[in-house]
C-alpha atoms as a PDB file:
ATOM      1  CA  MET A   1       0.000   0.000   0.000  1.00  0.00           C
ATOM      2  CA  ARG A   2       2.792   2.353   0.913  1.00  0.00           C
ATOM      3  CA  CYS A   3       4.519   1.580  -2.397  1.00  0.00           C
ATOM      4  CA  ARG A   4       1.370   2.588  -4.321  1.00  0.00           C
ATOM      5  CA  ARG A   5       1.257   5.957  -2.547  1.00  0.00           C
ATOM      6  CA  VAL A   6       4.900   6.629  -3.360  1.00  0.00           C
ATOM      7  CA  LEU A   7       4.343   5.683  -7.015  1.00  0.00           C
ATOM      8  CA  ALA A   8       1.171   7.794  -7.185  1.00  0.00           C
ATOM      9  CA  ALA A   9       2.982  10.795  -5.696  1.00  0.00           C
ATOM     10  CA  ALA A  10       5.897  10.358  -8.105  1.00  0.00           C
ATOM     11  CA  GLY A  11       3.491  10.041 -11.052  1.00  0.00           C
ATOM     12  CA  THR A  12       1.584  13.160  -9.990  1.00  0.00           C
ATOM     13  CA  SER A  13       4.845  15.116  -9.633  1.00  0.00           C
ATOM     14  CA  LEU A  14       5.998  14.005 -13.074  1.00  0.00           C
ATOM     15  CA  LEU A  15       2.631  14.993 -14.583  1.00  0.00           C
ATOM     16  CA  LEU A  16       2.757  18.452 -12.953  1.00  0.00           C
ATOM     17  CA  VAL A  17       6.292  19.093 -14.205  1.00  0.00           C
ATOM     18  CA  THR A  18       5.307  18.018 -17.722  1.00  0.00           C
ATOM     19  CA  LEU A  19       2.170  20.173 -17.785  1.00  0.00           C
ATOM     20  CA  SER A  20       3.891  23.215 -16.302  1.00  0.00           C
ATOM     21  CA  SER A  21       6.539  23.134 -19.026  1.00  0.00           C
ATOM     22  CA  CYS A  22       3.734  23.164 -21.620  1.00  0.00           C
ATOM     23  CA  SER A  23       2.148  26.239 -20.095  1.00  0.00           C
ATOM     24  CA  ALA A  24       5.286  28.377 -20.253  1.00  0.00           C
ATOM     25  CA  ALA A  25       4.871  31.699 -22.032  1.00  0.00           C
ATOM     26  CA  PRO A  26       5.097  31.301 -25.827  1.00  0.00           C
ATOM     27  CA  THR A  27       7.903  32.963 -27.698  1.00  0.00           C
ATOM     28  CA  GLU A  28       7.212  36.476 -28.959  1.00  0.00           C
ATOM     29  CA  ALA A  29       5.663  36.708 -32.433  1.00  0.00           C
ATOM     30  CA  CYS A  30       7.003  39.592 -34.524  1.00  0.00           C
ATOM     31  CA  SER A  31       4.091  41.481 -36.001  1.00  0.00           C
ATOM     32  CA  ALA A  32       5.929  44.539 -37.377  1.00  0.00           C
ATOM     33  CA  VAL A  33       7.624  42.917 -40.358  1.00  0.00           C
ATOM     34  CA  ALA A  34       7.139  45.850 -42.761  1.00  0.00           C
ATOM     35  CA  TYR A  35       8.426  48.810 -40.799  1.00  0.00           C
ATOM     36  CA  SER A  36      10.319  51.914 -41.881  1.00  0.00           C
ATOM     37  CA  ASN A  37      13.287  53.365 -40.030  1.00  0.00           C
ATOM     38  CA  SER A  38      13.291  57.109 -39.431  1.00  0.00           C
ATOM     39  CA  VAL A  39      15.446  60.091 -38.536  1.00  0.00           C
ATOM     40  CA  ARG A  40      13.949  62.447 -35.945  1.00  0.00           C
ATOM     41  CA  VAL A  41      15.045  66.025 -36.536  1.00  0.00           C
ATOM     42  CA  GLN A  42      14.599  68.620 -33.786  1.00  0.00           C
ATOM     43  CA  VAL A  43      14.369  71.975 -35.580  1.00  0.00           C
ATOM     44  CA  SER A  44      15.105  75.169 -33.646  1.00  0.00           C
ATOM     45  CA  GLY A  45      15.595  78.857 -34.431  1.00  0.00           C
ATOM     46  CA  HIS A  46      13.265  80.445 -36.988  1.00  0.00           C
ATOM     47  CA  THR A  47      11.046  77.373 -37.305  1.00  0.00           C
ATOM     48  CA  SER A  48       8.190  79.296 -38.930  1.00  0.00           C
ATOM     49  CA  ARG A  49      10.250  79.261 -42.141  1.00  0.00           C
ATOM     50  CA  VAL A  50      10.184  75.438 -42.297  1.00  0.00           C
ATOM     51  CA  ALA A  51       7.592  73.735 -44.508  1.00  0.00           C
ATOM     52  CA  ASP A  52       9.366  70.382 -44.939  1.00  0.00           C
ATOM     53  CA  VAL A  53      12.446  68.471 -43.795  1.00  0.00           C
ATOM     54  CA  GLY A  54      14.484  66.100 -45.947  1.00  0.00           C
ATOM     55  CA  PHE A  55      17.245  63.581 -45.262  1.00  0.00           C
ATOM     56  CA  CYS A  56      19.607  61.485 -47.313  1.00  0.00           C
ATOM     57  CA  GLY A  57      22.147  58.898 -46.203  1.00  0.00           C
ATOM     58  CA  GLY A  58      25.776  59.057 -47.222  1.00  0.00           C
ATOM     59  CA  ALA A  59      28.770  61.370 -47.050  1.00  0.00           C
ATOM     60  CA  THR A  60      28.170  63.178 -50.349  1.00  0.00           C
ATOM     61  CA  CYS A  61      24.399  63.029 -50.862  1.00  0.00           C
ATOM     62  CA  THR A  62      22.065  66.009 -51.316  1.00  0.00           C
ATOM     63  CA  PRO A  63      18.737  65.952 -49.469  1.00  0.00           C
ATOM     64  CA  HIS A  64      15.584  66.696 -51.430  1.00  0.00           C
ATOM     65  CA  ARG A  65      11.986  67.152 -50.529  1.00  0.00           C
ATOM     66  CA  LEU A  66      10.328  63.771 -50.732  1.00  0.00           C
ATOM     67  CA  ALA A  67       8.815  62.846 -54.087  1.00  0.00           C
ATOM     68  CA  MET A  68       5.198  63.877 -54.437  1.00  0.00           C
ATOM     69  CA  VAL A  69       2.450  61.797 -56.034  1.00  0.00           C
ATOM     70  CA  TYR A  70      -0.908  63.129 -57.165  1.00  0.00           C
ATOM     71  CA  ASP A  71      -4.383  61.715 -56.767  1.00  0.00           C
ATOM     72  CA  GLY A  72      -6.469  60.662 -59.809  1.00  0.00           C
ATOM     73  CA  ASN A  73      -7.467  64.271 -60.498  1.00  0.00           C
ATOM     74  CA  GLY A  74      -3.865  65.485 -60.320  1.00  0.00           C
ATOM     75  CA  SER A  75      -4.782  68.027 -57.690  1.00  0.00           C
ATOM     76  CA  LYS A  76      -3.824  66.780 -54.240  1.00  0.00           C
ATOM     77  CA  PRO A  77      -0.106  66.018 -53.798  1.00  0.00           C
ATOM     78  CA  THR A  78       0.899  63.613 -51.046  1.00  0.00           C
ATOM     79  CA  PRO A  79       4.417  62.428 -50.197  1.00  0.00           C
ATOM     80  CA  THR A  80       5.297  58.904 -51.263  1.00  0.00           C
ATOM     81  CA  PHE A  81       6.973  58.429 -47.858  1.00  0.00           C
ATOM     82  CA  PRO A  82       5.159  60.889 -45.611  1.00  0.00           C
ATOM     83  CA  VAL A  83       7.252  63.102 -43.377  1.00  0.00           C
ATOM     84  CA  SER A  84       5.435  63.819 -40.157  1.00  0.00           C
ATOM     85  CA  HIS A  85       6.007  66.311 -37.407  1.00  0.00           C
ATOM     86  CA  GLU A  86       4.753  67.258 -33.984  1.00  0.00           C
ATOM     87  CA  GLY A  87       5.639  70.850 -33.295  1.00  0.00           C
ATOM     88  CA  ASP A  88       9.283  71.325 -34.247  1.00  0.00           C
ATOM     89  CA  THR A  89      10.235  67.629 -34.187  1.00  0.00           C
ATOM     90  CA  TRP A  90      10.154  66.067 -37.649  1.00  0.00           C
ATOM     91  CA  SER A  91      10.242  62.358 -38.466  1.00  0.00           C
ATOM     92  CA  VAL A  92      11.739  61.513 -41.874  1.00  0.00           C
ATOM     93  CA  PRO A  93      11.400  57.894 -43.081  1.00  0.00           C
ATOM     94  CA  THR A  94      14.486  56.142 -44.449  1.00  0.00           C
ATOM     95  CA  ALA A  95      12.880  52.823 -45.480  1.00  0.00           C
ATOM     96  CA  PHE A  96      15.273  50.126 -44.205  1.00  0.00           C
ATOM     97  CA  GLU A  97      18.412  52.269 -44.405  1.00  0.00           C
ATOM     98  CA  ARG A  98      20.480  53.013 -41.286  1.00  0.00           C
ATOM     99  CA  PRO A  99      23.380  55.151 -42.541  1.00  0.00           C
ATOM    100  CA  ARG A 100      25.942  56.379 -40.019  1.00  0.00           C
ATOM    101  CA  ILE A 101      26.497  59.624 -41.945  1.00  0.00           C
ATOM    102  CA  GLY A 102      23.883  61.730 -43.678  1.00  0.00           C
ATOM    103  CA  HIS A 103      22.680  65.161 -44.664  1.00  0.00           C
ATOM    104  CA  VAL A 104      19.551  66.812 -43.264  1.00  0.00           C
ATOM    105  CA  ALA A 105      17.872  69.919 -44.684  1.00  0.00           C
ATOM    106  CA  ALA A 106      14.894  72.154 -43.933  1.00  0.00           C
ATOM    107  CA  PHE A 107      12.912  73.597 -46.841  1.00  0.00           C
ATOM    108  CA  ASP A 108      10.608  76.613 -47.057  1.00  0.00           C
ATOM    109  CA  SER A 109       7.231  76.436 -48.791  1.00  0.00           C
ATOM    110  CA  GLY A 110       8.850  77.302 -52.146  1.00  0.00           C
ATOM    111  CA  GLY A 111      11.271  74.356 -51.889  1.00  0.00           C
ATOM    112  CA  SER A 112      14.403  76.390 -51.094  1.00  0.00           C
ATOM    113  CA  ILE A 113      16.792  75.120 -48.428  1.00  0.00           C
ATOM    114  CA  VAL A 114      16.677  77.360 -45.337  1.00  0.00           C
ATOM    115  CA  ALA A 115      19.092  75.235 -43.255  1.00  0.00           C
ATOM    116  CA  ASP A 116      21.148  72.112 -43.781  1.00  0.00           C
ATOM    117  CA  SER A 117      23.811  70.092 -41.994  1.00  0.00           C
ATOM    118  CA  ARG A 118      25.932  66.986 -42.410  1.00  0.00           C
ATOM    119  CA  VAL A 119      25.216  64.645 -39.489  1.00  0.00           C
ATOM    120  CA  ARG A 120      26.551  61.519 -37.772  1.00  0.00           C
ATOM    121  CA  LEU A 121      23.796  59.207 -36.594  1.00  0.00           C
ATOM    122  CA  ALA A 122      23.482  56.611 -33.838  1.00  0.00           C
ATOM    123  CA  TRP A 123      20.557  54.252 -34.424  1.00  0.00           C
ATOM    124  CA  ARG A 124      18.354  52.884 -31.616  1.00  0.00           C
ATOM    125  CA  ASN A 125      16.237  49.762 -31.881  1.00  0.00           C
ATOM    126  CA  MET A 126      12.656  50.806 -31.110  1.00  0.00           C
ATOM    127  CA  GLY A 127      11.482  47.175 -31.116  1.00  0.00           C
ATOM    128  CA  THR A 128      12.557  44.358 -28.842  1.00  0.00           C
ATOM    129  CA  GLU A 129      15.553  42.055 -28.789  1.00  0.00           C
ATOM    130  CA  ALA A 130      13.419  39.209 -30.123  1.00  0.00           C
ATOM    131  CA  CYS A 131      11.706  41.414 -32.729  1.00  0.00           C
ATOM    132  CA  PRO A 132      14.115  44.180 -33.756  1.00  0.00           C
ATOM    133  CA  GLY A 133      12.970  47.315 -35.565  1.00  0.00           C
ATOM    134  CA  PRO A 134      12.027  49.836 -36.463  1.00  0.00           C
ATOM    135  CA  TYR A 135      15.185  51.833 -35.813  1.00  0.00           C
ATOM    136  CA  GLU A 136      15.367  55.540 -35.093  1.00  0.00           C
ATOM    137  CA  ALA A 137      18.174  58.109 -35.058  1.00  0.00           C
ATOM    138  CA  SER A 138      17.962  61.672 -33.738  1.00  0.00           C
ATOM    139  CA  THR A 139      19.656  64.882 -34.751  1.00  0.00           C
ATOM    140  CA  SER A 140      19.029  68.620 -34.637  1.00  0.00           C
ATOM    141  CA  LEU A 141      18.973  71.501 -37.105  1.00  0.00           C
ATOM    142  CA  VAL A 142      19.076  75.257 -36.462  1.00  0.00           C
ATOM    143  CA  VAL A 143      17.253  77.573 -38.883  1.00  0.00           C
ATOM    144  CA  GLY A 144      18.702  81.070 -39.087  1.00  0.00           C
ATOM    145  CA  GLY A 145      16.791  84.302 -39.683  1.00  0.00           C
END
């Protein structure tokens, strides 16, 4: 009788260990597979002159305003990769690029450059270790009067 109790206890313990290993948290599923990296640009100075911010990666590149596409009537332009901003902080998409060196520029409403600077960038993973990306780099730009 005592042997049965010992075997029953051992069997119950084995069953609990087996079931508890099945109920462990599942591995993280990566849902953001089509993300875009971005450069955050903090604009200061005469910010009222700024209508758009552009960025390009590389030591000798020239930033441009992002390419515009038009709706079916040809009347409402929208950027192909929309630049967004909250106040004086602009977010410029770079697709999957993460260049260490780049060139950032601010444009007025007529498309003229009102400020520009060559920059060195340090990229931060905004995702998790298991699901990396998107990445973001930050820099600043001063617009003169």
